[in-house]
Amino acid sequence: MTETTEAASVRTHRAAPSRRRTTRSGPDPQGRGARGLLLRRATPWLFLAAPLVLLITFTYVPVGNMIYYSFTDWDGISPDRNFTGVDNYVQIFTRPELFRVFFVSFYYLAASVAQIAIALYFATVLSFDLRFRNLFKGLLFFPYLVNGVAIGFVFLYFFQDGGTLDSVLSWFGADTGHAWLGDPASANTSLAGVSVWRFTGLNFVLFLGAIQSIPGELYEAAQLDGATRWQQFRHIIAPSIRPVLSLSVILAISGSLAVFEIPWIMTNGATGTSTFVIQTVKLAFQFNKTGLASAAAVVLLLIILLITWIQRRLVPDEKVDLV
């Protein structure tokens, strides 16, 4: 029995070096590690390859072509594109009929301020425990779900002579002889009011989501300390929704410069309601001045980028930690 055990021990001892030799003669573990590291580093780029191709193809290449067209007199049809330098940009800022559309954006900018204020008010009120608050949330957000073309036609009948607005005003004995879409001031004011009705719901949802993410313990502590609703808004809600408010301001400014659907459907840009985008579309497809329209689009893009940069510099993002 002892000899058998010793013999087995000797065989095991002799077999061990051969196993070590087999391990050394196998694949290089350092090579496998290098390939694994390379694969891990390349994996994110493999996942990003398709989105990057789509982004470059459908965003950056068209933008590059637009910038190129803005320095030519291309009509959008002819294969000839004559280089004109900065002549298109000079026309945009020197021709009154082209530069006047900038002032129309102020109506929509004022409307954006109003819709942010209204949305912030209702988001704050409906964030507390009130009866029928879900019903009011749905009513506020519903206009944003409606198609812009449908909204344009609905309010076209609303503001027309003898339409819904005139009928309602006549019940109170008010004068209904005013053409709401007949002169530039009242027409732009009416169109801006439609944009307030439509886009308040979007800002409302953004603000409400930010407010509801605030821990409830903060409200309870504030109530125990005797804080009023205004004090809770000033010291708890306002600091926490500052990033969302900053985003809403950027969207409001860019949206006021890029208004298209409502004035196009309701007035087709007539009576002084033509916006920057409507003018650009007409230049490109009605007057066949694609080069000039491209320059106008580049100017609009630069204005939006500049305003966004200024806003980010004046109101930088700050980390808000309330807990």
C-alpha atoms as a PDB file:
ATOM      1  CA  MET A   1       0.000   0.000   0.000  1.00  0.00           C
ATOM      2  CA  THR A   2       2.861   2.381   0.788  1.00  0.00           C
ATOM      3  CA  GLU A   3       4.685   1.575  -2.403  1.00  0.00           C
ATOM      4  CA  THR A   4       1.576   2.206  -4.450  1.00  0.00           C
ATOM      5  CA  THR A   5       1.116   5.610  -2.826  1.00  0.00           C
ATOM      6  CA  GLU A   6       4.730   6.578  -3.405  1.00  0.00           C
ATOM      7  CA  ALA A   7       4.526   5.481  -7.028  1.00  0.00           C
ATOM      8  CA  ALA A   8       1.424   7.618  -7.596  1.00  0.00           C
ATOM      9  CA  SER A   9       3.147  10.583  -5.976  1.00  0.00           C
ATOM     10  CA  VAL A  10       6.164  10.160  -8.281  1.00  0.00           C
ATOM     11  CA  ARG A  11       3.947   9.981 -11.367  1.00  0.00           C
ATOM     12  CA  THR A  12       2.084  13.114 -10.315  1.00  0.00           C
ATOM     13  CA  HIS A  13       5.331  14.957  -9.669  1.00  0.00           C
ATOM     14  CA  ARG A  14       6.694  13.966 -13.081  1.00  0.00           C
ATOM     15  CA  ALA A  15       3.500  14.937 -14.878  1.00  0.00           C
ATOM     16  CA  ALA A  16       3.451  18.444 -13.451  1.00  0.00           C
ATOM     17  CA  PRO A  17       6.279  19.864 -15.608  1.00  0.00           C
ATOM     18  CA  SER A  18       4.581  18.585 -18.746  1.00  0.00           C
ATOM     19  CA  ARG A  19       1.405  20.507 -17.835  1.00  0.00           C
ATOM     20  CA  ARG A  20       3.433  23.641 -17.281  1.00  0.00           C
ATOM     21  CA  ARG A  21       5.110  23.140 -20.646  1.00  0.00           C
ATOM     22  CA  THR A  22       1.705  22.784 -22.316  1.00  0.00           C
ATOM     23  CA  THR A  23       0.593  26.042 -20.758  1.00  0.00           C
ATOM     24  CA  ARG A  24       3.673  27.867 -22.044  1.00  0.00           C
ATOM     25  CA  SER A  25       3.259  26.470 -25.540  1.00  0.00           C
ATOM     26  CA  GLY A  26      -0.411  27.686 -25.804  1.00  0.00           C
ATOM     27  CA  PRO A  27      -1.645  31.063 -27.140  1.00  0.00           C
ATOM     28  CA  ASP A  28      -0.046  34.208 -25.802  1.00  0.00           C
ATOM     29  CA  PRO A  29      -2.278  35.634 -23.024  1.00  0.00           C
ATOM     30  CA  GLN A  30      -0.789  39.096 -23.581  1.00  0.00           C
ATOM     31  CA  GLY A  31      -1.942  38.976 -27.197  1.00  0.00           C
ATOM     32  CA  ARG A  32      -5.428  38.028 -26.162  1.00  0.00           C
ATOM     33  CA  GLY A  33      -5.430  40.884 -23.628  1.00  0.00           C
ATOM     34  CA  ALA A  34      -4.323  43.436 -26.234  1.00  0.00           C
ATOM     35  CA  ARG A  35      -6.984  42.293 -28.682  1.00  0.00           C
ATOM     36  CA  GLY A  36      -9.621  42.394 -25.951  1.00  0.00           C
ATOM     37  CA  LEU A  37      -8.585  45.920 -24.955  1.00  0.00           C
ATOM     38  CA  LEU A  38      -8.691  47.047 -28.575  1.00  0.00           C
ATOM     39  CA  LEU A  39     -12.135  45.503 -29.032  1.00  0.00           C
ATOM     40  CA  ARG A  40     -13.453  47.211 -25.899  1.00  0.00           C
ATOM     41  CA  ARG A  41     -12.178  50.571 -27.109  1.00  0.00           C
ATOM     42  CA  ALA A  42     -13.646  50.070 -30.579  1.00  0.00           C
ATOM     43  CA  THR A  43     -17.065  48.840 -29.412  1.00  0.00           C
ATOM     44  CA  PRO A  44     -18.542  52.311 -28.671  1.00  0.00           C
ATOM     45  CA  TRP A  45     -17.442  53.562 -32.072  1.00  0.00           C
ATOM     46  CA  LEU A  46     -18.989  50.537 -33.761  1.00  0.00           C
ATOM     47  CA  PHE A  47     -22.316  51.365 -32.120  1.00  0.00           C
ATOM     48  CA  LEU A  48     -21.932  55.055 -33.076  1.00  0.00           C
ATOM     49  CA  ALA A  49     -20.961  54.365 -36.695  1.00  0.00           C
ATOM     50  CA  ALA A  50     -24.504  54.182 -38.108  1.00  0.00           C
ATOM     51  CA  PRO A  51     -25.844  57.251 -36.225  1.00  0.00           C
ATOM     52  CA  LEU A  52     -22.764  59.269 -37.185  1.00  0.00           C
ATOM     53  CA  VAL A  53     -23.176  58.353 -40.849  1.00  0.00           C
ATOM     54  CA  LEU A  54     -26.844  59.380 -40.770  1.00  0.00           C
ATOM     55  CA  LEU A  55     -26.039  62.602 -38.889  1.00  0.00           C
ATOM     56  CA  ILE A  56     -23.299  63.611 -41.301  1.00  0.00           C
ATOM     57  CA  THR A  57     -25.319  62.631 -44.391  1.00  0.00           C
ATOM     58  CA  PHE A  58     -28.594  64.318 -43.483  1.00  0.00           C
ATOM     59  CA  THR A  59     -27.394  67.234 -41.330  1.00  0.00           C
ATOM     60  CA  TYR A  60     -23.838  68.404 -41.863  1.00  0.00           C
ATOM     61  CA  VAL A  61     -23.616  67.758 -45.600  1.00  0.00           C
ATOM     62  CA  PRO A  62     -26.848  69.705 -46.323  1.00  0.00           C
ATOM     63  CA  VAL A  63     -25.664  72.538 -44.069  1.00  0.00           C
ATOM     64  CA  GLY A  64     -22.373  72.625 -45.958  1.00  0.00           C
ATOM     65  CA  ASN A  65     -24.224  72.728 -49.282  1.00  0.00           C
ATOM     66  CA  MET A  66     -26.465  75.510 -47.979  1.00  0.00           C
ATOM     67  CA  ILE A  67     -23.452  77.595 -47.001  1.00  0.00           C
ATOM     68  CA  TYR A  68     -21.958  77.007 -50.451  1.00  0.00           C
ATOM     69  CA  TYR A  69     -25.202  77.985 -52.222  1.00  0.00           C
ATOM     70  CA  SER A  70     -25.387  81.193 -50.166  1.00  0.00           C
ATOM     71  CA  PHE A  71     -22.338  82.512 -52.047  1.00  0.00           C
ATOM     72  CA  THR A  72     -23.860  81.848 -55.469  1.00  0.00           C
ATOM     73  CA  ASP A  73     -26.792  83.078 -57.571  1.00  0.00           C
ATOM     74  CA  TRP A  74     -28.225  79.577 -58.058  1.00  0.00           C
ATOM     75  CA  ASP A  75     -31.909  79.459 -58.951  1.00  0.00           C
ATOM     76  CA  GLY A  76     -32.441  75.913 -57.666  1.00  0.00           C
ATOM     77  CA  ILE A  77     -32.921  74.420 -61.142  1.00  0.00           C
ATOM     78  CA  SER A  78     -30.093  75.402 -63.447  1.00  0.00           C
ATOM     79  CA  PRO A  79     -26.791  73.494 -63.176  1.00  0.00           C
ATOM     80  CA  ASP A  80     -24.926  76.807 -63.407  1.00  0.00           C
ATOM     81  CA  ARG A  81     -23.917  78.349 -60.090  1.00  0.00           C
ATOM     82  CA  ASN A  82     -22.083  81.652 -60.419  1.00  0.00           C
ATOM     83  CA  PHE A  83     -20.060  82.739 -57.406  1.00  0.00           C
ATOM     84  CA  THR A  84     -21.255  86.130 -56.132  1.00  0.00           C
ATOM     85  CA  GLY A  85     -19.310  86.452 -52.882  1.00  0.00           C
ATOM     86  CA  VAL A  86     -21.164  88.120 -50.019  1.00  0.00           C
ATOM     87  CA  ASP A  87     -23.656  89.890 -52.268  1.00  0.00           C
ATOM     88  CA  ASN A  88     -26.576  87.797 -50.954  1.00  0.00           C
ATOM     89  CA  TYR A  89     -25.746  88.680 -47.359  1.00  0.00           C
ATOM     90  CA  VAL A  90     -25.493  92.379 -48.238  1.00  0.00           C
ATOM     91  CA  GLN A  91     -28.959  92.248 -49.794  1.00  0.00           C
ATOM     92  CA  ILE A  92     -30.487  90.685 -46.680  1.00  0.00           C
ATOM     93  CA  PHE A  93     -29.324  93.523 -44.440  1.00  0.00           C
ATOM     94  CA  THR A  94     -29.749  96.411 -46.881  1.00  0.00           C
ATOM     95  CA  ARG A  95     -33.034  95.687 -48.668  1.00  0.00           C
ATOM     96  CA  PRO A  96     -35.903  96.895 -46.422  1.00  0.00           C
ATOM     97  CA  GLU A  97     -38.392  94.313 -47.700  1.00  0.00           C
ATOM     98  CA  LEU A  98     -36.005  91.524 -46.662  1.00  0.00           C
ATOM     99  CA  PHE A  99     -34.883  92.983 -43.348  1.00  0.00           C
ATOM    100  CA  ARG A 100     -38.379  93.972 -42.195  1.00  0.00           C
ATOM    101  CA  VAL A 101     -39.307  90.400 -41.278  1.00  0.00           C
ATOM    102  CA  PHE A 102     -36.948  90.556 -38.299  1.00  0.00           C
ATOM    103  CA  PHE A 103     -39.359  92.909 -36.536  1.00  0.00           C
ATOM    104  CA  VAL A 104     -42.248  90.440 -36.893  1.00  0.00           C
ATOM    105  CA  SER A 105     -40.330  88.071 -34.634  1.00  0.00           C
ATOM    106  CA  PHE A 106     -40.769  90.492 -31.719  1.00  0.00           C
ATOM    107  CA  TYR A 107     -44.478  89.675 -31.599  1.00  0.00           C
ATOM    108  CA  TYR A 108     -43.693  85.989 -31.186  1.00  0.00           C
ATOM    109  CA  LEU A 109     -40.900  86.728 -28.735  1.00  0.00           C
ATOM    110  CA  ALA A 110     -43.364  88.601 -26.520  1.00  0.00           C
ATOM    111  CA  ALA A 111     -45.784  85.699 -26.914  1.00  0.00           C
ATOM    112  CA  SER A 112     -43.022  83.293 -25.830  1.00  0.00           C
ATOM    113  CA  VAL A 113     -42.462  85.287 -22.649  1.00  0.00           C
ATOM    114  CA  ALA A 114     -46.194  85.139 -21.942  1.00  0.00           C
ATOM    115  CA  GLN A 115     -46.421  81.407 -22.539  1.00  0.00           C
ATOM    116  CA  ILE A 116     -43.429  80.700 -20.276  1.00  0.00           C
ATOM    117  CA  ALA A 117     -44.995  82.769 -17.487  1.00  0.00           C
ATOM    118  CA  ILE A 118     -48.384  81.067 -17.898  1.00  0.00           C
ATOM    119  CA  ALA A 119     -46.849  77.595 -18.068  1.00  0.00           C
ATOM    120  CA  LEU A 120     -44.702  78.228 -14.985  1.00  0.00           C
ATOM    121  CA  TYR A 121     -47.711  79.475 -13.027  1.00  0.00           C
ATOM    122  CA  PHE A 122     -49.902  76.483 -13.837  1.00  0.00           C
ATOM    123  CA  ALA A 123     -47.049  74.004 -13.363  1.00  0.00           C
ATOM    124  CA  THR A 124     -46.430  75.405  -9.882  1.00  0.00           C
ATOM    125  CA  VAL A 125     -50.101  75.432  -8.911  1.00  0.00           C
ATOM    126  CA  LEU A 126     -50.861  71.965 -10.275  1.00  0.00           C
ATOM    127  CA  SER A 127     -47.791  70.454  -8.631  1.00  0.00           C
ATOM    128  CA  PHE A 128     -49.612  70.722  -5.309  1.00  0.00           C
ATOM    129  CA  ASP A 129     -52.490  68.507  -4.257  1.00  0.00           C
ATOM    130  CA  LEU A 130     -55.592  70.016  -5.882  1.00  0.00           C
ATOM    131  CA  ARG A 131     -58.893  68.585  -7.044  1.00  0.00           C
ATOM    132  CA  PHE A 132     -59.185  67.779 -10.756  1.00  0.00           C
ATOM    133  CA  ARG A 133     -55.524  68.619 -11.305  1.00  0.00           C
ATOM    134  CA  ASN A 134     -55.108  65.735 -13.778  1.00  0.00           C
ATOM    135  CA  LEU A 135     -58.001  67.137 -15.804  1.00  0.00           C
ATOM    136  CA  PHE A 136     -56.378  70.567 -15.917  1.00  0.00           C
ATOM    137  CA  LYS A 137     -53.051  69.000 -16.912  1.00  0.00           C
ATOM    138  CA  GLY A 138     -54.714  67.334 -19.861  1.00  0.00           C
ATOM    139  CA  LEU A 139     -56.501  70.514 -20.909  1.00  0.00           C
ATOM    140  CA  LEU A 140     -53.268  72.508 -20.849  1.00  0.00           C
ATOM    141  CA  PHE A 141     -51.246  69.954 -22.787  1.00  0.00           C
ATOM    142  CA  PHE A 142     -53.937  69.076 -25.343  1.00  0.00           C
ATOM    143  CA  PRO A 143     -53.326  72.025 -27.760  1.00  0.00           C
ATOM    144  CA  TYR A 144     -49.724  70.932 -28.265  1.00  0.00           C
ATOM    145  CA  LEU A 145     -50.932  67.527 -29.504  1.00  0.00           C
ATOM    146  CA  VAL A 146     -53.088  69.045 -32.254  1.00  0.00           C
ATOM    147  CA  ASN A 147     -51.564  69.354 -35.719  1.00  0.00           C
ATOM    148  CA  GLY A 148     -50.381  72.862 -36.566  1.00  0.00           C
ATOM    149  CA  VAL A 149     -52.246  72.915 -39.876  1.00  0.00           C
ATOM    150  CA  ALA A 150     -55.523  72.037 -38.135  1.00  0.00           C
ATOM    151  CA  ILE A 151     -54.914  74.775 -35.563  1.00  0.00           C
ATOM    152  CA  GLY A 152     -54.298  77.272 -38.353  1.00  0.00           C
ATOM    153  CA  PHE A 153     -57.610  76.488 -40.040  1.00  0.00           C
ATOM    154  CA  VAL A 154     -59.532  76.518 -36.749  1.00  0.00           C
ATOM    155  CA  PHE A 155     -58.251  79.958 -35.771  1.00  0.00           C
ATOM    156  CA  LEU A 156     -58.656  81.218 -39.333  1.00  0.00           C
ATOM    157  CA  TYR A 157     -62.415  80.818 -38.857  1.00  0.00           C
ATOM    158  CA  PHE A 158     -62.076  82.094 -35.300  1.00  0.00           C
ATOM    159  CA  PHE A 159     -60.639  85.475 -36.396  1.00  0.00           C
ATOM    160  CA  GLN A 160     -62.497  85.975 -39.679  1.00  0.00           C
ATOM    161  CA  ASP A 161     -65.160  88.670 -40.047  1.00  0.00           C
ATOM    162  CA  GLY A 162     -68.320  87.484 -38.323  1.00  0.00           C
ATOM    163  CA  GLY A 163     -66.490  84.467 -36.969  1.00  0.00           C
ATOM    164  CA  THR A 164     -66.352  82.992 -33.500  1.00  0.00           C
ATOM    165  CA  LEU A 165     -64.507  85.885 -31.869  1.00  0.00           C
ATOM    166  CA  ASP A 166     -66.872  88.491 -33.300  1.00  0.00           C
ATOM    167  CA  SER A 167     -69.879  86.424 -32.212  1.00  0.00           C
ATOM    168  CA  VAL A 168     -68.601  86.158 -28.641  1.00  0.00           C
ATOM    169  CA  LEU A 169     -67.813  89.886 -28.474  1.00  0.00           C
ATOM    170  CA  SER A 170     -71.252  90.761 -29.788  1.00  0.00           C
ATOM    171  CA  TRP A 171     -72.815  89.024 -26.764  1.00  0.00           C
ATOM    172  CA  PHE A 172     -71.177  91.667 -24.580  1.00  0.00           C
ATOM    173  CA  GLY A 173     -72.100  94.543 -26.861  1.00  0.00           C
ATOM    174  CA  ALA A 174     -68.552  95.089 -28.128  1.00  0.00           C
ATOM    175  CA  ASP A 175     -67.808  96.430 -31.593  1.00  0.00           C
ATOM    176  CA  THR A 176     -67.286  93.540 -34.018  1.00  0.00           C
ATOM    177  CA  GLY A 177     -66.404  95.547 -37.115  1.00  0.00           C
ATOM    178  CA  HIS A 178     -62.641  95.128 -36.691  1.00  0.00           C
ATOM    179  CA  ALA A 179     -60.763  92.974 -39.203  1.00  0.00           C
ATOM    180  CA  TRP A 180     -58.480  90.962 -36.928  1.00  0.00           C
ATOM    181  CA  LEU A 181     -56.275  89.755 -39.767  1.00  0.00           C
ATOM    182  CA  GLY A 182     -56.643  92.892 -41.878  1.00  0.00           C
ATOM    183  CA  ASP A 183     -53.785  95.082 -40.627  1.00  0.00           C
ATOM    184  CA  PRO A 184     -50.234  94.141 -39.561  1.00  0.00           C
ATOM    185  CA  ALA A 185     -50.526  95.067 -35.872  1.00  0.00           C
ATOM    186  CA  SER A 186     -53.720  93.166 -35.057  1.00  0.00           C
ATOM    187  CA  ALA A 187     -52.831  90.304 -37.416  1.00  0.00           C
ATOM    188  CA  ASN A 188     -49.437  89.683 -35.825  1.00  0.00           C
ATOM    189  CA  THR A 189     -50.930  90.032 -32.350  1.00  0.00           C
ATOM    190  CA  SER A 190     -53.631  87.503 -33.203  1.00  0.00           C
ATOM    191  CA  LEU A 191     -51.138  85.037 -34.676  1.00  0.00           C
ATOM    192  CA  ALA A 192     -48.865  85.414 -31.666  1.00  0.00           C
ATOM    193  CA  GLY A 193     -51.838  84.709 -29.421  1.00  0.00           C
ATOM    194  CA  VAL A 194     -52.455  81.477 -31.305  1.00  0.00           C
ATOM    195  CA  SER A 195     -48.852  80.431 -30.669  1.00  0.00           C
ATOM    196  CA  VAL A 196     -49.341  81.085 -26.955  1.00  0.00           C
ATOM    197  CA  TRP A 197     -52.401  78.823 -26.937  1.00  0.00           C
ATOM    198  CA  ARG A 198     -50.556  76.085 -28.789  1.00  0.00           C
ATOM    199  CA  PHE A 199     -47.123  75.975 -27.143  1.00  0.00           C
ATOM    200  CA  THR A 200     -47.952  76.731 -23.519  1.00  0.00           C
ATOM    201  CA  GLY A 201     -48.559  73.011 -22.976  1.00  0.00           C
ATOM    202  CA  LEU A 202     -45.004  72.097 -23.975  1.00  0.00           C
ATOM    203  CA  ASN A 203     -43.449  74.463 -21.458  1.00  0.00           C
ATOM    204  CA  PHE A 204     -46.006  73.365 -18.889  1.00  0.00           C
ATOM    205  CA  VAL A 205     -44.938  69.718 -19.183  1.00  0.00           C
ATOM    206  CA  LEU A 206     -41.247  70.622 -18.962  1.00  0.00           C
ATOM    207  CA  PHE A 207     -41.764  72.720 -15.836  1.00  0.00           C
ATOM    208  CA  LEU A 208     -44.110  70.203 -14.220  1.00  0.00           C
ATOM    209  CA  GLY A 209     -41.648  67.355 -14.718  1.00  0.00           C
ATOM    210  CA  ALA A 210     -38.847  69.404 -13.170  1.00  0.00           C
ATOM    211  CA  ILE A 211     -41.003  70.438 -10.207  1.00  0.00           C
ATOM    212  CA  GLN A 212     -42.204  66.901  -9.526  1.00  0.00           C
ATOM    213  CA  SER A 213     -38.594  65.690  -9.370  1.00  0.00           C
ATOM    214  CA  ILE A 214     -38.021  67.796  -6.231  1.00  0.00           C
ATOM    215  CA  PRO A 215     -38.022  65.612  -3.079  1.00  0.00           C
ATOM    216  CA  GLY A 216     -41.251  65.908  -1.132  1.00  0.00           C
ATOM    217  CA  GLU A 217     -39.362  66.147   2.163  1.00  0.00           C
ATOM    218  CA  LEU A 218     -38.330  69.684   1.238  1.00  0.00           C
ATOM    219  CA  TYR A 219     -41.939  70.817   1.006  1.00  0.00           C
ATOM    220  CA  GLU A 220     -42.759  69.136   4.319  1.00  0.00           C
ATOM    221  CA  ALA A 221     -39.821  70.835   6.022  1.00  0.00           C
ATOM    222  CA  ALA A 222     -40.819  74.182   4.525  1.00  0.00           C
ATOM    223  CA  GLN A 223     -44.401  73.779   5.750  1.00  0.00           C
ATOM    224  CA  LEU A 224     -43.171  72.947   9.234  1.00  0.00           C
ATOM    225  CA  ASP A 225     -41.129  76.135   9.185  1.00  0.00           C
ATOM    226  CA  GLY A 226     -44.213  78.102   8.189  1.00  0.00           C
ATOM    227  CA  ALA A 227     -43.152  78.887   4.616  1.00  0.00           C
ATOM    228  CA  THR A 228     -45.864  80.223   2.307  1.00  0.00           C
ATOM    229  CA  ARG A 229     -46.472  79.011  -1.239  1.00  0.00           C
ATOM    230  CA  TRP A 230     -44.544  81.976  -2.617  1.00  0.00           C
ATOM    231  CA  GLN A 231     -41.587  81.257  -0.338  1.00  0.00           C
ATOM    232  CA  GLN A 232     -41.624  77.604  -1.391  1.00  0.00           C
ATOM    233  CA  PHE A 233     -41.574  78.670  -5.025  1.00  0.00           C
ATOM    234  CA  ARG A 234     -38.801  81.212  -4.488  1.00  0.00           C
ATOM    235  CA  HIS A 235     -36.445  79.096  -2.391  1.00  0.00           C
ATOM    236  CA  ILE A 236     -37.228  75.534  -3.516  1.00  0.00           C
ATOM    237  CA  ILE A 237     -38.918  75.413  -6.914  1.00  0.00           C
ATOM    238  CA  ALA A 238     -37.166  78.266  -8.735  1.00  0.00           C
ATOM    239  CA  PRO A 239     -33.575  77.127  -8.009  1.00  0.00           C
ATOM    240  CA  SER A 240     -34.325  73.532  -8.947  1.00  0.00           C
ATOM    241  CA  ILE A 241     -35.921  74.259 -12.333  1.00  0.00           C
ATOM    242  CA  ARG A 242     -33.314  76.786 -13.462  1.00  0.00           C
ATOM    243  CA  PRO A 243     -31.784  74.446 -16.102  1.00  0.00           C
ATOM    244  CA  VAL A 244     -35.218  73.670 -17.533  1.00  0.00           C
ATOM    245  CA  LEU A 245     -36.125  77.359 -17.516  1.00  0.00           C
ATOM    246  CA  SER A 246     -32.906  78.131 -19.370  1.00  0.00           C
ATOM    247  CA  LEU A 247     -33.795  75.490 -21.963  1.00  0.00           C
ATOM    248  CA  SER A 248     -37.268  76.985 -22.369  1.00  0.00           C
ATOM    249  CA  VAL A 249     -35.788  80.435 -22.976  1.00  0.00           C
ATOM    250  CA  ILE A 250     -33.515  79.056 -25.711  1.00  0.00           C
ATOM    251  CA  LEU A 251     -36.435  77.237 -27.342  1.00  0.00           C
ATOM    252  CA  ALA A 252     -38.592  80.355 -27.096  1.00  0.00           C
ATOM    253  CA  ILE A 253     -36.035  82.618 -28.783  1.00  0.00           C
ATOM    254  CA  SER A 254     -35.226  80.157 -31.552  1.00  0.00           C
ATOM    255  CA  GLY A 255     -38.909  79.380 -32.029  1.00  0.00           C
ATOM    256  CA  SER A 256     -39.855  83.055 -32.327  1.00  0.00           C
ATOM    257  CA  LEU A 257     -37.333  83.417 -35.155  1.00  0.00           C
ATOM    258  CA  ALA A 258     -38.422  80.237 -36.945  1.00  0.00           C
ATOM    259  CA  VAL A 259     -42.232  80.589 -36.886  1.00  0.00           C
ATOM    260  CA  PHE A 260     -43.820  79.118 -39.994  1.00  0.00           C
ATOM    261  CA  GLU A 261     -46.979  76.984 -39.721  1.00  0.00           C
ATOM    262  CA  ILE A 262     -49.507  79.346 -38.151  1.00  0.00           C
ATOM    263  CA  PRO A 263     -48.876  82.488 -40.276  1.00  0.00           C
ATOM    264  CA  TRP A 264     -48.423  80.423 -43.443  1.00  0.00           C
ATOM    265  CA  ILE A 265     -51.804  78.707 -43.050  1.00  0.00           C
ATOM    266  CA  MET A 266     -53.768  81.706 -41.776  1.00  0.00           C
ATOM    267  CA  THR A 267     -52.395  84.593 -43.851  1.00  0.00           C
ATOM    268  CA  ASN A 268     -49.757  83.137 -46.199  1.00  0.00           C
ATOM    269  CA  GLY A 269     -47.509  85.950 -45.006  1.00  0.00           C
ATOM    270  CA  ALA A 270     -49.852  88.711 -46.193  1.00  0.00           C
ATOM    271  CA  THR A 271     -50.680  91.989 -44.376  1.00  0.00           C
ATOM    272  CA  GLY A 272     -47.179  92.250 -42.920  1.00  0.00           C
ATOM    273  CA  THR A 273     -47.224  88.835 -41.196  1.00  0.00           C
ATOM    274  CA  SER A 274     -44.419  87.249 -43.209  1.00  0.00           C
ATOM    275  CA  THR A 275     -41.825  85.693 -40.923  1.00  0.00           C
ATOM    276  CA  PHE A 276     -38.198  84.948 -41.650  1.00  0.00           C
ATOM    277  CA  VAL A 277     -38.914  81.331 -42.610  1.00  0.00           C
ATOM    278  CA  ILE A 278     -41.892  82.251 -44.826  1.00  0.00           C
ATOM    279  CA  GLN A 279     -39.747  84.799 -46.649  1.00  0.00           C
ATOM    280  CA  THR A 280     -36.988  82.221 -47.113  1.00  0.00           C
ATOM    281  CA  VAL A 281     -39.444  79.681 -48.546  1.00  0.00           C
ATOM    282  CA  LYS A 282     -40.863  82.245 -50.956  1.00  0.00           C
ATOM    283  CA  LEU A 283     -37.403  83.311 -52.101  1.00  0.00           C
ATOM    284  CA  ALA A 284     -36.443  79.724 -52.834  1.00  0.00           C
ATOM    285  CA  PHE A 285     -39.621  78.278 -54.363  1.00  0.00           C
ATOM    286  CA  GLN A 286     -41.637  81.261 -55.583  1.00  0.00           C
ATOM    287  CA  PHE A 287     -38.936  83.592 -56.897  1.00  0.00           C
ATOM    288  CA  ASN A 288     -36.323  80.862 -57.633  1.00  0.00           C
ATOM    289  CA  LYS A 289     -33.592  82.657 -55.682  1.00  0.00           C
ATOM    290  CA  THR A 290     -32.103  79.661 -53.903  1.00  0.00           C
ATOM    291  CA  GLY A 291     -28.779  81.392 -53.333  1.00  0.00           C
ATOM    292  CA  LEU A 292     -30.422  84.335 -51.574  1.00  0.00           C
ATOM    293  CA  ALA A 293     -32.703  81.989 -49.604  1.00  0.00           C
ATOM    294  CA  SER A 294     -29.685  79.951 -48.509  1.00  0.00           C
ATOM    295  CA  ALA A 295     -28.000  83.125 -47.285  1.00  0.00           C
ATOM    296  CA  ALA A 296     -31.139  83.983 -45.306  1.00  0.00           C
ATOM    297  CA  ALA A 297     -31.143  80.491 -43.764  1.00  0.00           C
ATOM    298  CA  VAL A 298     -27.465  80.854 -42.816  1.00  0.00           C
ATOM    299  CA  VAL A 299     -28.184  84.219 -41.190  1.00  0.00           C
ATOM    300  CA  LEU A 300     -31.044  82.679 -39.196  1.00  0.00           C
ATOM    301  CA  LEU A 301     -28.796  79.826 -38.069  1.00  0.00           C
ATOM    302  CA  LEU A 302     -26.046  82.219 -36.987  1.00  0.00           C
ATOM    303  CA  ILE A 303     -28.513  84.416 -35.082  1.00  0.00           C
ATOM    304  CA  ILE A 304     -29.877  81.430 -33.168  1.00  0.00           C
ATOM    305  CA  LEU A 305     -26.376  80.177 -32.359  1.00  0.00           C
ATOM    306  CA  LEU A 306     -25.297  83.642 -31.229  1.00  0.00           C
ATOM    307  CA  ILE A 307     -28.328  84.132 -28.996  1.00  0.00           C
ATOM    308  CA  THR A 308     -27.851  80.673 -27.520  1.00  0.00           C
ATOM    309  CA  TRP A 309     -24.175  81.382 -26.799  1.00  0.00           C
ATOM    310  CA  ILE A 310     -24.990  84.722 -25.163  1.00  0.00           C
ATOM    311  CA  GLN A 311     -27.716  83.155 -23.067  1.00  0.00           C
ATOM    312  CA  ARG A 312     -25.386  80.361 -21.932  1.00  0.00           C
ATOM    313  CA  ARG A 313     -22.734  82.910 -20.990  1.00  0.00           C
ATOM    314  CA  LEU A 314     -25.136  85.116 -19.043  1.00  0.00           C
ATOM    315  CA  VAL A 315     -26.966  82.235 -17.360  1.00  0.00           C
ATOM    316  CA  PRO A 316     -24.516  79.328 -17.041  1.00  0.00           C
ATOM    317  CA  ASP A 317     -25.643  75.971 -15.806  1.00  0.00           C
ATOM    318  CA  GLU A 318     -25.210  75.541 -12.090  1.00  0.00           C
ATOM    319  CA  LYS A 319     -25.371  72.338 -10.129  1.00  0.00           C
ATOM    320  CA  VAL A 320     -28.372  72.522  -7.818  1.00  0.00           C
ATOM    321  CA  ASP A 321     -28.226  70.296  -4.779  1.00  0.00           C
ATOM    322  CA  LEU A 322     -31.221  70.772  -2.501  1.00  0.00           C
ATOM    323  CA  VAL A 323     -30.750  67.695  -0.323  1.00  0.00           C
END
